[in-house]
Amino acid sequence: MDDERTPVIGMWVTADGHIRQELRPDGRYDEARGRTKSAYTGSYTVTGNHIDYVDDTGFTATGDLREGVLYHEHLVLYREES
């Protein structure tokens, strides 16, 4: 797939594993918090290393991928290796 989303697709987790954010190939995301599955869902777009999120409720957020780490607002997420 020749798409700007390709480097970010996959599961991203905080160091403590409490927040898990799946960035899907179709431009959708699903974020779990603790035991709450799908706490936040919505769409995302990628421009270079920058990610713009739009929650299904209309809330917006941003993130940046730097050196393999995803900085999403106040969160630091790491790619989960399968």
N, C-alpha and C. Protein backbone atom coordinates (compact mmCIF):
# COMPACT_ATOMS: atom_id res chain seq x y z
N MET A 1 0.86 -1.18 0.00
CA MET A 1 0.00 0.00 0.00
C MET A 1 0.90 1.23 0.00
N ASP A 2 0.73 2.09 -0.98
CA ASP A 2 1.49 3.33 -1.05
C ASP A 2 0.63 4.43 -0.45
N ASP A 3 0.69 4.58 0.86
CA ASP A 3 -0.21 5.45 1.59
C ASP A 3 0.56 6.05 2.76
N GLU A 4 0.28 7.29 3.09
CA GLU A 4 0.97 7.92 4.22
C GLU A 4 0.62 7.26 5.54
N ARG A 5 -0.47 6.52 5.61
CA ARG A 5 -0.86 5.84 6.85
C ARG A 5 0.02 4.64 7.15
N THR A 6 0.67 4.07 6.14
CA THR A 6 1.40 2.82 6.29
C THR A 6 2.32 2.79 7.51
N PRO A 7 3.17 3.80 7.78
CA PRO A 7 4.08 3.70 8.93
C PRO A 7 3.38 3.72 10.30
N VAL A 8 2.14 4.16 10.37
CA VAL A 8 1.47 4.26 11.67
C VAL A 8 0.46 3.14 11.91
N ILE A 9 0.14 2.38 10.88
CA ILE A 9 -0.85 1.32 11.02
C ILE A 9 -0.37 0.29 12.05
N GLY A 10 -1.28 -0.08 12.94
CA GLY A 10 -0.97 -1.10 13.93
C GLY A 10 -1.45 -0.70 15.30
N MET A 11 -1.00 -1.44 16.30
CA MET A 11 -1.39 -1.20 17.68
C MET A 11 -0.31 -0.40 18.39
N TRP A 12 -0.74 0.64 19.09
CA TRP A 12 0.14 1.51 19.86
C TRP A 12 -0.33 1.47 21.31
N VAL A 13 0.60 1.38 22.24
CA VAL A 13 0.24 1.26 23.66
C VAL A 13 1.11 2.17 24.52
N THR A 14 0.54 2.62 25.64
CA THR A 14 1.34 3.36 26.61
C THR A 14 2.26 2.37 27.33
N ALA A 15 3.29 2.87 27.97
CA ALA A 15 4.27 2.01 28.64
C ALA A 15 3.62 1.11 29.67
N ASP A 16 2.57 1.60 30.33
CA ASP A 16 1.89 0.79 31.34
C ASP A 16 0.78 -0.10 30.76
N GLY A 17 0.56 0.00 29.44
CA GLY A 17 -0.45 -0.83 28.78
C GLY A 17 -1.89 -0.41 29.02
N HIS A 18 -2.10 0.68 29.75
CA HIS A 18 -3.47 1.11 30.09
C HIS A 18 -4.24 1.62 28.87
N ILE A 19 -3.54 2.30 27.97
CA ILE A 19 -4.19 2.84 26.77
C ILE A 19 -3.64 2.12 25.56
N ARG A 20 -4.56 1.61 24.74
CA ARG A 20 -4.20 0.88 23.53
C ARG A 20 -4.95 1.52 22.36
N GLN A 21 -4.18 1.97 21.39
CA GLN A 21 -4.78 2.65 20.24
C GLN A 21 -4.43 1.89 18.97
N GLU A 22 -5.47 1.36 18.33
CA GLU A 22 -5.28 0.65 17.07
C GLU A 22 -5.54 1.62 15.93
N LEU A 23 -4.53 1.80 15.08
CA LEU A 23 -4.68 2.62 13.88
C LEU A 23 -4.82 1.65 12.71
N ARG A 24 -5.99 1.66 12.10
CA ARG A 24 -6.34 0.67 11.08
C ARG A 24 -6.00 1.17 9.68
N PRO A 25 -5.80 0.26 8.73
CA PRO A 25 -5.47 0.64 7.36
C PRO A 25 -6.56 1.46 6.67
N ASP A 26 -7.81 1.34 7.13
CA ASP A 26 -8.92 2.05 6.49
C ASP A 26 -9.08 3.50 6.98
N GLY A 27 -8.12 3.98 7.79
CA GLY A 27 -8.20 5.35 8.28
C GLY A 27 -9.05 5.52 9.53
N ARG A 28 -9.40 4.42 10.17
CA ARG A 28 -10.18 4.44 11.40
C ARG A 28 -9.27 4.08 12.57
N TYR A 29 -9.63 4.55 13.76
CA TYR A 29 -8.90 4.15 14.96
C TYR A 29 -9.88 3.69 16.02
N ASP A 30 -9.37 2.88 16.93
CA ASP A 30 -10.15 2.38 18.05
C ASP A 30 -9.22 2.41 19.27
N GLU A 31 -9.63 3.16 20.28
CA GLU A 31 -8.80 3.33 21.46
C GLU A 31 -9.47 2.71 22.68
N ALA A 32 -8.74 1.81 23.33
CA ALA A 32 -9.21 1.18 24.56
C ALA A 32 -8.49 1.83 25.73
N ARG A 33 -9.22 1.98 26.84
CA ARG A 33 -8.64 2.54 28.06
C ARG A 33 -8.94 1.59 29.21
N GLY A 34 -7.88 1.00 29.74
CA GLY A 34 -8.08 0.01 30.80
C GLY A 34 -8.93 -1.14 30.28
N ARG A 35 -10.01 -1.43 30.97
CA ARG A 35 -10.90 -2.52 30.56
C ARG A 35 -12.01 -2.04 29.62
N THR A 36 -12.01 -0.76 29.32
CA THR A 36 -13.04 -0.20 28.44
C THR A 36 -12.61 -0.31 26.99
N LYS A 37 -13.19 -1.26 26.28
CA LYS A 37 -12.90 -1.42 24.86
C LYS A 37 -13.62 -0.32 24.10
N SER A 38 -13.01 0.14 23.02
CA SER A 38 -13.61 1.15 22.15
C SER A 38 -14.07 2.38 22.94
N ALA A 39 -13.23 2.83 23.87
CA ALA A 39 -13.56 4.04 24.64
C ALA A 39 -13.67 5.24 23.71
N TYR A 40 -12.83 5.27 22.68
CA TYR A 40 -12.88 6.32 21.67
C TYR A 40 -12.69 5.67 20.31
N THR A 41 -13.50 6.07 19.35
CA THR A 41 -13.37 5.60 17.98
C THR A 41 -13.52 6.79 17.05
N GLY A 42 -12.93 6.69 15.89
CA GLY A 42 -13.05 7.77 14.93
C GLY A 42 -12.16 7.53 13.73
N SER A 43 -11.83 8.61 13.05
CA SER A 43 -10.99 8.52 11.86
C SER A 43 -9.71 9.32 12.08
N TYR A 44 -8.73 9.02 11.26
CA TYR A 44 -7.48 9.76 11.33
C TYR A 44 -6.92 9.95 9.93
N THR A 45 -6.14 11.01 9.77
CA THR A 45 -5.42 11.25 8.53
C THR A 45 -3.96 11.52 8.89
N VAL A 46 -3.08 11.17 7.99
CA VAL A 46 -1.65 11.33 8.20
C VAL A 46 -1.09 12.24 7.13
N THR A 47 -0.31 13.23 7.56
CA THR A 47 0.43 14.10 6.65
C THR A 47 1.87 14.11 7.13
N GLY A 48 2.73 13.43 6.39
CA GLY A 48 4.11 13.29 6.84
C GLY A 48 4.15 12.50 8.13
N ASN A 49 4.67 13.10 9.20
CA ASN A 49 4.74 12.45 10.51
C ASN A 49 3.65 12.94 11.45
N HIS A 50 2.71 13.72 10.93
CA HIS A 50 1.65 14.32 11.75
C HIS A 50 0.34 13.57 11.53
N ILE A 51 -0.39 13.35 12.63
CA ILE A 51 -1.68 12.66 12.57
C ILE A 51 -2.76 13.59 13.11
N ASP A 52 -3.86 13.69 12.37
CA ASP A 52 -5.04 14.42 12.83
C ASP A 52 -6.14 13.40 13.08
N TYR A 53 -6.71 13.46 14.28
CA TYR A 53 -7.78 12.56 14.69
C TYR A 53 -9.09 13.31 14.77
N VAL A 54 -10.18 12.66 14.36
CA VAL A 54 -11.53 13.17 14.57
C VAL A 54 -12.34 12.04 15.18
N ASP A 55 -12.69 12.22 16.45
CA ASP A 55 -13.50 11.24 17.17
C ASP A 55 -14.89 11.21 16.56
N ASP A 56 -15.58 10.10 16.68
CA ASP A 56 -16.94 9.97 16.15
C ASP A 56 -17.91 10.98 16.76
N THR A 57 -17.56 11.56 17.91
CA THR A 57 -18.40 12.58 18.53
C THR A 57 -18.06 13.99 18.03
N GLY A 58 -16.99 14.10 17.21
CA GLY A 58 -16.57 15.39 16.67
C GLY A 58 -15.36 16.00 17.37
N PHE A 59 -14.92 15.40 18.48
CA PHE A 59 -13.74 15.87 19.20
C PHE A 59 -12.51 15.67 18.31
N THR A 60 -11.59 16.63 18.31
CA THR A 60 -10.38 16.50 17.50
C THR A 60 -9.14 16.44 18.38
N ALA A 61 -8.10 15.79 17.87
CA ALA A 61 -6.82 15.68 18.56
C ALA A 61 -5.74 15.54 17.50
N THR A 62 -4.49 15.66 17.94
CA THR A 62 -3.38 15.51 17.02
C THR A 62 -2.32 14.60 17.61
N GLY A 63 -1.43 14.16 16.77
CA GLY A 63 -0.31 13.34 17.20
C GLY A 63 0.84 13.50 16.24
N ASP A 64 2.01 13.10 16.67
CA ASP A 64 3.21 13.14 15.84
C ASP A 64 4.03 11.88 16.07
N LEU A 65 4.52 11.33 14.98
CA LEU A 65 5.38 10.16 15.05
C LEU A 65 6.82 10.64 14.95
N ARG A 66 7.59 10.38 16.01
CA ARG A 66 8.99 10.78 16.04
C ARG A 66 9.84 9.61 16.52
N GLU A 67 10.77 9.21 15.66
CA GLU A 67 11.72 8.13 15.99
C GLU A 67 11.02 6.89 16.51
N GLY A 68 9.92 6.51 15.86
CA GLY A 68 9.21 5.29 16.21
C GLY A 68 8.31 5.38 17.42
N VAL A 69 8.14 6.59 17.96
CA VAL A 69 7.27 6.80 19.12
C VAL A 69 6.13 7.72 18.69
N LEU A 70 4.91 7.40 19.11
CA LEU A 70 3.74 8.20 18.78
C LEU A 70 3.39 9.11 19.96
N TYR A 71 3.49 10.39 19.74
CA TYR A 71 3.14 11.39 20.74
C TYR A 71 1.74 11.90 20.38
N HIS A 72 0.76 11.48 21.17
CA HIS A 72 -0.65 11.79 20.90
C HIS A 72 -1.16 12.66 22.04
N GLU A 73 -1.24 13.98 21.77
CA GLU A 73 -1.59 14.94 22.80
C GLU A 73 -0.67 14.73 24.01
N HIS A 74 -1.18 14.38 25.17
CA HIS A 74 -0.34 14.20 26.36
C HIS A 74 0.15 12.76 26.53
N LEU A 75 -0.18 11.87 25.60
CA LEU A 75 0.20 10.46 25.70
C LEU A 75 1.46 10.16 24.91
N VAL A 76 2.20 9.18 25.39
CA VAL A 76 3.34 8.64 24.66
C VAL A 76 3.04 7.17 24.43
N LEU A 77 2.97 6.79 23.16
CA LEU A 77 2.60 5.42 22.80
C LEU A 77 3.71 4.76 22.01
N TYR A 78 3.85 3.46 22.24
CA TYR A 78 4.89 2.67 21.59
C TYR A 78 4.23 1.59 20.76
N ARG A 79 4.85 1.29 19.61
CA ARG A 79 4.29 0.26 18.74
C ARG A 79 4.35 -1.08 19.47
N GLU A 80 3.23 -1.78 19.44
CA GLU A 80 3.19 -3.11 20.03
C GLU A 80 3.70 -4.11 18.99
N GLU A 81 4.69 -4.84 19.38
CA GLU A 81 5.24 -5.86 18.48
C GLU A 81 4.41 -7.12 18.59
N SER A 82 4.14 -7.74 17.45
CA SER A 82 3.31 -8.95 17.49
C SER A 82 4.11 -10.19 17.73
